[in-house]
């Protein structure tokens, strides 16, 4: 069920605004490895916080 929700959320932005998604994705490709790792860490921590609050 969680994987299904992830796919729904991941698909919303490209469905609603494909041009905006393409511009955002192009900017993400220009980020340095350290910046990508930071955003990945923030995403992990946010997900863990949501799981903790939900339980």
N, C-alpha and C. Protein backbone atom coordinates (compact mmCIF):
# COMPACT_ATOMS: atom_id res chain seq x y z
N UNK A 1 0.83 -1.18 0.00
CA UNK A 1 0.00 0.00 0.00
C UNK A 1 0.88 1.26 0.00
N UNK A 2 1.97 1.22 0.79
CA UNK A 2 2.86 2.37 0.84
C UNK A 2 3.51 2.63 -0.52
N UNK A 3 3.91 1.57 -1.20
CA UNK A 3 4.52 1.73 -2.52
C UNK A 3 3.52 2.34 -3.50
N UNK A 4 2.29 1.94 -3.40
CA UNK A 4 1.25 2.51 -4.26
C UNK A 4 1.08 4.00 -4.02
N UNK A 5 1.10 4.42 -2.76
CA UNK A 5 1.00 5.84 -2.44
C UNK A 5 2.20 6.62 -2.96
N UNK A 6 3.38 6.04 -2.86
CA UNK A 6 4.59 6.69 -3.38
C UNK A 6 4.44 6.91 -4.89
N UNK A 7 3.97 5.90 -5.59
CA UNK A 7 3.81 6.03 -7.04
C UNK A 7 2.77 7.08 -7.40
N UNK A 8 1.69 7.17 -6.63
CA UNK A 8 0.68 8.19 -6.88
C UNK A 8 1.28 9.58 -6.69
N UNK A 9 1.98 9.80 -5.57
CA UNK A 9 2.58 11.11 -5.32
C UNK A 9 3.66 11.45 -6.35
N UNK A 10 4.45 10.46 -6.73
CA UNK A 10 5.51 10.70 -7.73
C UNK A 10 4.92 11.04 -9.09
N UNK A 11 3.76 10.52 -9.40
CA UNK A 11 3.15 10.76 -10.70
C UNK A 11 2.32 12.02 -10.79
N UNK A 12 1.97 12.61 -9.66
CA UNK A 12 1.10 13.79 -9.69
C UNK A 12 1.74 14.99 -10.40
N UNK A 13 2.96 15.33 -10.05
CA UNK A 13 3.59 16.53 -10.60
C UNK A 13 3.80 16.42 -12.11
N UNK A 14 4.35 15.30 -12.63
CA UNK A 14 4.49 15.22 -14.09
C UNK A 14 3.14 15.20 -14.81
N UNK A 15 2.11 14.67 -14.16
CA UNK A 15 0.79 14.64 -14.78
C UNK A 15 0.17 16.03 -14.84
N UNK A 16 0.28 16.78 -13.75
CA UNK A 16 -0.34 18.10 -13.66
C UNK A 16 0.44 19.15 -14.45
N UNK A 17 1.77 19.10 -14.36
CA UNK A 17 2.60 20.12 -15.01
C UNK A 17 3.85 19.47 -15.62
N UNK A 18 3.72 18.88 -16.80
CA UNK A 18 4.88 18.21 -17.38
C UNK A 18 6.04 19.16 -17.67
N UNK A 19 5.75 20.38 -18.10
CA UNK A 19 6.82 21.35 -18.37
C UNK A 19 7.56 21.74 -17.10
N UNK A 20 6.81 21.98 -16.03
CA UNK A 20 7.42 22.32 -14.75
C UNK A 20 8.23 21.16 -14.21
N UNK A 21 7.73 19.95 -14.38
CA UNK A 21 8.46 18.77 -13.93
C UNK A 21 9.77 18.63 -14.70
N UNK A 22 9.73 18.87 -16.01
CA UNK A 22 10.93 18.76 -16.84
C UNK A 22 11.97 19.80 -16.42
N UNK A 23 11.54 21.05 -16.16
CA UNK A 23 12.48 22.09 -15.71
C UNK A 23 13.07 21.74 -14.35
N UNK A 24 12.23 21.26 -13.44
CA UNK A 24 12.71 20.88 -12.11
C UNK A 24 13.71 19.73 -12.21
N UNK A 25 13.41 18.73 -13.02
CA UNK A 25 14.29 17.58 -13.16
C UNK A 25 15.62 17.99 -13.77
N UNK A 26 15.60 18.94 -14.72
CA UNK A 26 16.83 19.44 -15.32
C UNK A 26 17.70 20.12 -14.26
N UNK A 27 17.07 20.90 -13.38
CA UNK A 27 17.82 21.55 -12.29
C UNK A 27 18.40 20.53 -11.33
N UNK A 28 17.66 19.48 -11.05
CA UNK A 28 18.15 18.44 -10.14
C UNK A 28 19.39 17.77 -10.72
N UNK A 29 19.40 17.56 -12.03
CA UNK A 29 20.56 16.93 -12.67
C UNK A 29 21.82 17.79 -12.56
N UNK A 30 21.65 19.10 -12.36
CA UNK A 30 22.80 20.01 -12.25
C UNK A 30 23.36 20.10 -10.83
N UNK A 31 22.69 19.50 -9.85
CA UNK A 31 23.16 19.57 -8.47
C UNK A 31 24.41 18.72 -8.27
N UNK A 32 25.23 19.13 -7.32
CA UNK A 32 26.42 18.37 -6.96
C UNK A 32 26.01 17.14 -6.13
N UNK A 33 26.91 16.16 -6.03
CA UNK A 33 26.61 14.94 -5.27
C UNK A 33 26.27 15.25 -3.81
N UNK A 34 27.00 16.16 -3.20
CA UNK A 34 26.74 16.51 -1.80
C UNK A 34 25.35 17.09 -1.61
N UNK A 35 24.91 17.92 -2.57
CA UNK A 35 23.58 18.51 -2.48
C UNK A 35 22.51 17.44 -2.62
N UNK A 36 22.71 16.50 -3.54
CA UNK A 36 21.75 15.41 -3.71
C UNK A 36 21.68 14.54 -2.46
N UNK A 37 22.84 14.28 -1.85
CA UNK A 37 22.86 13.49 -0.62
C UNK A 37 22.10 14.21 0.50
N UNK A 38 22.26 15.52 0.58
CA UNK A 38 21.56 16.30 1.61
C UNK A 38 20.05 16.19 1.43
N UNK A 39 19.58 16.36 0.18
CA UNK A 39 18.14 16.25 -0.07
C UNK A 39 17.64 14.83 0.17
N UNK A 40 18.48 13.84 -0.15
CA UNK A 40 18.11 12.45 0.14
C UNK A 40 17.99 12.21 1.63
N UNK A 41 18.94 12.75 2.40
CA UNK A 41 18.89 12.62 3.86
C UNK A 41 17.65 13.30 4.43
N UNK A 42 17.34 14.49 3.92
CA UNK A 42 16.14 15.20 4.38
C UNK A 42 14.88 14.39 4.07
N UNK A 43 14.85 13.77 2.91
CA UNK A 43 13.70 12.95 2.54
C UNK A 43 13.57 11.74 3.46
N UNK A 44 14.69 11.10 3.77
CA UNK A 44 14.67 9.95 4.67
C UNK A 44 14.18 10.36 6.05
N UNK A 45 14.71 11.46 6.57
CA UNK A 45 14.30 11.93 7.90
C UNK A 45 12.83 12.32 7.94
N UNK A 46 12.35 12.97 6.88
CA UNK A 46 10.92 13.33 6.82
C UNK A 46 10.05 12.08 6.79
N UNK A 47 10.46 11.07 6.02
CA UNK A 47 9.71 9.83 5.97
C UNK A 47 9.69 9.10 7.30
N UNK A 48 10.85 9.07 7.97
CA UNK A 48 10.89 8.44 9.29
C UNK A 48 10.04 9.19 10.30
N UNK A 49 10.05 10.53 10.22
CA UNK A 49 9.21 11.32 11.14
C UNK A 49 7.73 11.04 10.88
N UNK A 50 7.34 10.96 9.62
CA UNK A 50 5.94 10.64 9.30
C UNK A 50 5.56 9.26 9.81
N UNK A 51 6.45 8.28 9.65
CA UNK A 51 6.15 6.94 10.16
C UNK A 51 6.06 6.94 11.69
N UNK A 52 6.92 7.70 12.33
CA UNK A 52 6.90 7.77 13.79
C UNK A 52 5.61 8.43 14.28
N UNK A 53 5.20 9.53 13.64
CA UNK A 53 3.96 10.21 14.05
C UNK A 53 2.73 9.34 13.76
N UNK A 54 2.78 8.56 12.69
CA UNK A 54 1.63 7.73 12.33
C UNK A 54 1.46 6.52 13.26
N UNK A 55 2.55 6.12 13.92
CA UNK A 55 2.42 4.93 14.77
C UNK A 55 2.03 5.26 16.19
